[in-house]
Amino acid sequence: MKTRLTSRFPACLLGVSSENQDINCETEHLGGGQPLVAVVLQGHLPLAAIPGWFLLRFGLTMLSYGCGAPGGIFAPLLVLGALLGLAVRHLASMALPGAIVHLETFVVVGMAAYFAAIVRAPLTGIVLIVEMTNSYAQMLPLLVACFAAYAVADFVMDRPIYEALLERDLAHETGLPNLEAPVILEFTVHKGARFAGQRVHEIALPEGCVLLTLHRGLAELTPTANTRLEAGDRLTVVITPQAAEAWHILREGCNAPRMRP
């Protein structure tokens, strides 16, 4: 038995009128998202309703994850990507009427591209969709969309979601972080930071902490002991459990000192 949302606010928010509902405002669409994805794959969700559903799903995902309830963000990411894919399909149909045939291609490619941009794992997104659809027909659009999404996210210097969450958890550690396995983290050298202007050998990283790459603008460099760090550099570092103190060294050295009032 399905429970309908009787409030008129959700219907207005989602672009659905009470007289002619293109999609029923049901509580099952607020759960894991599988019923909503099924509706999206059928193309029954109009363009005007997509922003409302996207904002609602995004807000509820942040709320449920932020409150510490059991669960994750993997499935919600796919649902949000499916909504974006359907929105692109509607816009493409308006720009090129009659040229858009396969609706499901836009939906699954949107799921993979959004996953690749947020998690920064394009190959994982491609393999995931291929396994879900059991088809290689979308391989070319998947490759183009996923690597384009990855490039855009990297260009705007957006952080991979799981790395950002890990660093947030480590930042709350009062002592040394409890690392059970080596982790790869990324630090940005801010203007006025202690590391800005220093060479790599001068920052005295402990044994077990390795500086893998250095991103400077659009260039990716392999740092050496004599490489001088500059403000704006992004450092990709691997930290082993025995070098856990390197987290505090890197965080304090890369961040600008706070001004005292």
Protein backbone atom coordinates (compact mmCIF):
# COMPACT_ATOMS: atom_id res chain seq x y z
CA MET A 1 0.00 0.00 0.00
CA LYS A 2 1.45 3.32 -1.09
CA THR A 3 1.18 6.42 1.05
CA ARG A 4 0.69 9.65 -0.89
CA LEU A 5 1.93 13.03 0.26
CA THR A 6 -1.25 15.01 0.75
CA SER A 7 0.38 18.40 1.28
CA ARG A 8 0.07 20.79 -1.68
CA PHE A 9 3.57 22.20 -1.11
CA PRO A 10 5.50 19.20 -2.49
CA ALA A 11 3.29 19.15 -5.59
CA CYS A 12 4.01 22.82 -6.30
CA LEU A 13 7.70 22.33 -5.57
CA LEU A 14 8.00 19.41 -7.96
CA GLY A 15 6.07 21.04 -10.77
CA VAL A 16 3.10 18.69 -10.46
CA SER A 17 -0.50 19.87 -10.40
CA SER A 18 -3.13 18.08 -8.40
CA GLU A 19 -5.41 17.86 -11.46
CA ASN A 20 -2.89 16.30 -13.87
CA GLN A 21 -0.01 14.53 -12.18
CA ASP A 22 2.74 13.28 -14.48
CA ILE A 23 4.30 11.55 -11.49
CA ASN A 24 2.65 10.65 -8.23
CA CYS A 25 4.16 12.38 -5.22
CA GLU A 26 4.70 9.18 -3.21
CA THR A 27 6.93 8.58 -0.25
CA GLU A 28 8.70 5.74 -2.06
CA HIS A 29 10.30 8.31 -4.35
CA LEU A 30 12.01 9.82 -1.30
CA GLY A 31 13.77 6.60 -0.28
CA GLY A 32 16.60 4.83 -2.07
CA GLY A 33 15.51 6.24 -5.39
CA GLN A 34 14.87 3.10 -7.45
CA PRO A 35 11.20 3.96 -8.14
CA LEU A 36 12.16 7.48 -9.17
CA VAL A 37 14.86 6.17 -11.51
CA ALA A 38 12.26 3.85 -13.08
CA VAL A 39 10.02 6.86 -13.75
CA VAL A 40 12.97 8.79 -15.18
CA LEU A 41 13.89 5.91 -17.49
CA GLN A 42 10.33 5.93 -18.85
CA GLY A 43 10.55 9.66 -19.53
CA HIS A 44 7.43 10.46 -17.51
CA LEU A 45 9.07 13.30 -15.61
CA PRO A 46 8.63 16.70 -17.34
CA LEU A 47 11.49 19.19 -17.58
CA ALA A 48 9.76 21.65 -15.24
CA ALA A 49 9.63 19.04 -12.46
CA ILE A 50 13.30 18.02 -12.62
CA PRO A 51 14.79 21.00 -10.69
CA GLY A 52 12.36 20.45 -7.83
CA TRP A 53 13.09 16.75 -7.61
CA PHE A 54 16.84 17.38 -7.87
CA LEU A 55 16.85 19.93 -5.06
CA LEU A 56 14.62 17.78 -2.88
CA ARG A 57 16.72 14.66 -3.35
CA PHE A 58 19.96 16.60 -2.88
CA GLY A 59 18.72 18.27 0.29
CA LEU A 60 17.41 15.06 1.82
CA THR A 61 20.67 13.26 0.98
CA MET A 62 22.74 15.93 2.72
CA LEU A 63 20.35 15.94 5.68
CA SER A 64 20.32 12.16 6.16
CA TYR A 65 24.08 11.79 5.71
CA GLY A 66 24.91 14.82 7.83
CA CYS A 67 22.86 13.63 10.78
CA GLY A 68 24.90 10.43 10.98
CA ALA A 69 22.10 8.01 10.13
CA PRO A 70 23.21 4.64 8.71
CA GLY A 71 23.53 4.84 4.94
CA GLY A 72 25.66 6.38 2.24
CA ILE A 73 25.63 8.67 -0.75
CA PHE A 74 26.37 6.17 -3.54
CA ALA A 75 22.78 5.40 -4.61
CA PRO A 76 21.60 9.03 -4.19
CA LEU A 77 24.43 10.15 -6.50
CA LEU A 78 23.14 7.85 -9.22
CA VAL A 79 19.59 9.17 -8.80
CA LEU A 80 20.78 12.78 -9.11
CA GLY A 81 22.79 11.85 -12.20
CA ALA A 82 19.74 10.22 -13.76
CA LEU A 83 17.74 13.42 -13.24
CA LEU A 84 20.48 15.48 -14.88
CA GLY A 85 20.62 13.05 -17.80
CA LEU A 86 16.88 13.34 -18.35
CA ALA A 87 17.13 17.14 -18.22
CA VAL A 88 19.81 17.07 -20.94
CA ARG A 89 17.56 14.80 -22.99
CA HIS A 90 14.65 17.25 -22.73
CA LEU A 91 16.88 20.17 -23.72
CA ALA A 92 18.35 18.21 -26.61
CA SER A 93 14.85 17.32 -27.83
CA MET A 94 13.92 20.99 -27.79
CA ALA A 95 17.06 21.94 -29.73
CA LEU A 96 16.90 19.02 -32.17
CA PRO A 97 13.27 17.84 -32.46
CA GLY A 98 12.97 14.28 -33.71
CA ALA A 99 16.71 13.58 -33.45
CA ILE A 100 16.60 12.06 -29.96
CA VAL A 101 15.59 8.40 -30.03
CA HIS A 102 17.07 6.51 -27.09
CA LEU A 103 15.94 8.14 -23.85
CA GLU A 104 17.63 5.59 -21.60
CA THR A 105 21.05 6.45 -23.04
CA PHE A 106 20.85 10.00 -21.67
CA VAL A 107 19.76 8.73 -18.26
CA VAL A 108 22.49 6.11 -17.76
CA VAL A 109 25.18 8.38 -19.21
CA GLY A 110 24.06 11.12 -16.81
CA MET A 111 24.39 8.72 -13.90
CA ALA A 112 27.93 7.76 -14.89
CA ALA A 113 29.06 11.33 -15.63
CA TYR A 114 27.73 12.72 -12.35
CA PHE A 115 29.37 9.86 -10.46
CA ALA A 116 32.69 10.49 -12.26
CA ALA A 117 32.61 14.21 -11.43
CA ILE A 118 31.73 13.77 -7.74
CA VAL A 119 33.83 10.71 -6.92
CA ARG A 120 36.52 11.49 -9.53
CA ALA A 121 36.53 7.89 -10.79
CA PRO A 122 35.51 7.85 -14.48
CA LEU A 123 36.53 4.26 -15.18
CA THR A 124 34.58 3.05 -12.16
CA GLY A 125 31.51 4.93 -13.38
CA ILE A 126 31.81 3.41 -16.85
CA VAL A 127 32.22 -0.14 -15.55
CA LEU A 128 29.35 0.39 -13.11
CA ILE A 129 26.90 1.40 -15.84
CA VAL A 130 28.06 -1.35 -18.20
CA GLU A 131 27.43 -3.91 -15.46
CA MET A 132 24.04 -2.40 -14.61
CA THR A 133 22.81 -2.31 -18.21
CA ASN A 134 24.63 -5.47 -19.38
CA SER A 135 25.35 -3.64 -22.63
CA TYR A 136 28.36 -2.09 -24.35
CA ALA A 137 26.26 -0.03 -26.76
CA GLN A 138 26.70 3.14 -24.69
CA MET A 139 30.49 2.78 -24.37
CA LEU A 140 31.37 5.76 -26.59
CA PRO A 141 29.00 8.29 -24.94
CA LEU A 142 30.03 6.95 -21.53
CA LEU A 143 33.71 7.56 -22.29
CA VAL A 144 33.11 11.07 -23.60
CA ALA A 145 30.74 12.13 -20.82
CA CYS A 146 32.72 10.64 -17.92
CA PHE A 147 36.09 12.03 -18.93
CA ALA A 148 34.55 15.41 -19.77
CA ALA A 149 32.93 15.50 -16.33
CA TYR A 150 36.23 14.50 -14.74
CA ALA A 151 38.10 17.24 -16.63
CA VAL A 152 35.59 19.93 -15.63
CA ALA A 153 35.65 18.92 -11.96
CA ASP A 154 39.46 18.86 -11.98
CA PHE A 155 39.64 22.25 -13.75
CA VAL A 156 37.51 23.96 -11.11
CA MET A 157 39.65 22.26 -8.42
CA ASP A 158 36.70 20.46 -6.87
CA ARG A 159 37.62 17.87 -4.27
CA PRO A 160 36.63 14.21 -4.69
CA ILE A 161 33.78 13.63 -2.26
CA TYR A 162 35.27 10.69 -0.38
CA GLU A 163 38.65 12.40 0.03
CA ALA A 164 36.90 15.53 1.32
CA LEU A 165 34.89 13.48 3.81
CA LEU A 166 38.01 11.65 4.98
CA GLU A 167 39.90 14.90 5.49
CA ARG A 168 36.94 16.33 7.39
CA ASP A 169 36.99 13.35 9.73
CA LEU A 170 40.75 13.64 10.17
CA ALA A 171 40.42 17.35 10.92
CA HIS A 172 38.25 16.50 13.92
CA GLU A 173 40.96 14.26 15.38
CA THR A 174 42.50 15.88 18.44
CA GLY A 175 45.51 13.56 18.46
CA LEU A 176 47.14 11.54 15.75
CA PRO A 177 44.62 10.17 13.22
CA ASN A 178 43.98 6.46 13.50
CA LEU A 179 44.92 5.16 10.04
CA GLU A 180 44.45 1.47 9.39
CA ALA A 181 45.86 1.58 5.86
CA PRO A 182 47.74 4.02 3.61
CA VAL A 183 45.59 6.91 2.41
CA ILE A 184 46.00 9.31 -0.50
CA LEU A 185 45.16 12.92 0.33
CA GLU A 186 45.36 16.24 -1.47
CA PHE A 187 46.49 19.52 0.10
CA THR A 188 46.49 23.03 -1.37
CA VAL A 189 49.26 25.45 -0.47
CA HIS A 190 47.48 28.68 0.40
CA LYS A 191 48.88 32.16 0.04
CA GLY A 192 50.88 33.10 3.13
CA ALA A 193 51.25 29.44 4.22
CA ARG A 194 54.47 28.29 5.83
CA PHE A 195 55.22 25.88 2.95
CA ALA A 196 54.89 28.60 0.27
CA GLY A 197 58.39 29.32 -1.06
CA GLN A 198 60.00 26.32 0.63
CA ARG A 199 61.62 23.38 -1.14
CA VAL A 200 60.30 19.88 -0.62
CA HIS A 201 63.29 18.74 1.44
CA GLU A 202 62.80 21.70 3.78
CA ILE A 203 59.29 20.73 4.90
CA ALA A 204 60.72 17.62 6.63
CA LEU A 205 57.98 15.06 5.97
CA PRO A 206 58.31 11.93 8.14
CA GLU A 207 59.28 8.55 6.73
CA GLY A 208 56.22 6.85 5.30
CA CYS A 209 54.80 10.05 3.79
CA VAL A 210 55.45 10.41 0.06
CA LEU A 211 54.68 13.41 -2.13
CA LEU A 212 53.35 11.82 -5.34
CA THR A 213 52.41 14.68 -7.67
CA LEU A 214 52.23 18.45 -7.70
CA HIS A 215 49.53 20.26 -9.70
CA ARG A 216 50.46 23.81 -10.66
CA GLY A 217 47.79 25.40 -12.81
CA LEU A 218 47.09 22.95 -15.63
CA ALA A 219 50.49 21.27 -15.31
CA GLU A 220 51.14 18.08 -13.35
CA LEU A 221 54.69 17.85 -12.03
CA THR A 222 56.71 15.11 -10.38
CA PRO A 223 58.26 16.83 -7.36
CA THR A 224 61.86 16.31 -6.36
CA ALA A 225 63.70 17.26 -3.18
CA ASN A 226 64.63 20.63 -4.72
CA THR A 227 61.17 21.51 -6.06
CA ARG A 228 60.06 24.85 -4.62
CA LEU A 229 56.43 25.01 -3.52
CA GLU A 230 54.28 27.97 -4.54
CA ALA A 231 50.94 29.31 -3.38
CA GLY A 232 48.16 27.56 -5.28
CA ASP A 233 50.04 24.28 -5.68
CA ARG A 234 48.00 21.15 -5.05
CA LEU A 235 49.93 18.32 -3.44
CA THR A 236 48.88 14.69 -3.75
CA VAL A 237 50.35 12.79 -0.81
CA VAL A 238 50.24 9.19 0.38
CA ILE A 239 50.40 8.74 4.16
CA THR A 240 51.02 5.35 5.76
CA PRO A 241 49.76 4.51 9.26
CA GLN A 242 53.23 4.89 10.80
CA ALA A 243 53.47 8.43 9.38
CA ALA A 244 50.13 9.63 10.72
CA GLU A 245 51.70 12.79 12.16
CA ALA A 246 52.32 13.95 8.57
CA TRP A 247 48.63 14.88 8.40
CA HIS A 248 49.09 17.64 10.97
CA ILE A 249 52.38 18.78 9.43
CA LEU A 250 50.85 19.12 5.98
CA ARG A 251 47.64 20.73 7.20
CA GLU A 252 49.45 23.34 9.27
CA GLY A 253 52.09 23.99 6.63
CA CYS A 254 49.67 24.37 3.72
CA ASN A 255 47.09 26.56 5.48
CA ALA A 256 47.60 30.29 5.90
CA PRO A 257 48.05 31.37 9.54
CA ARG A 258 44.97 32.83 11.14
CA MET A 259 45.02 36.50 12.08
CA ARG A 260 44.45 37.14 15.75
CA PRO A 261 41.94 39.88 16.56
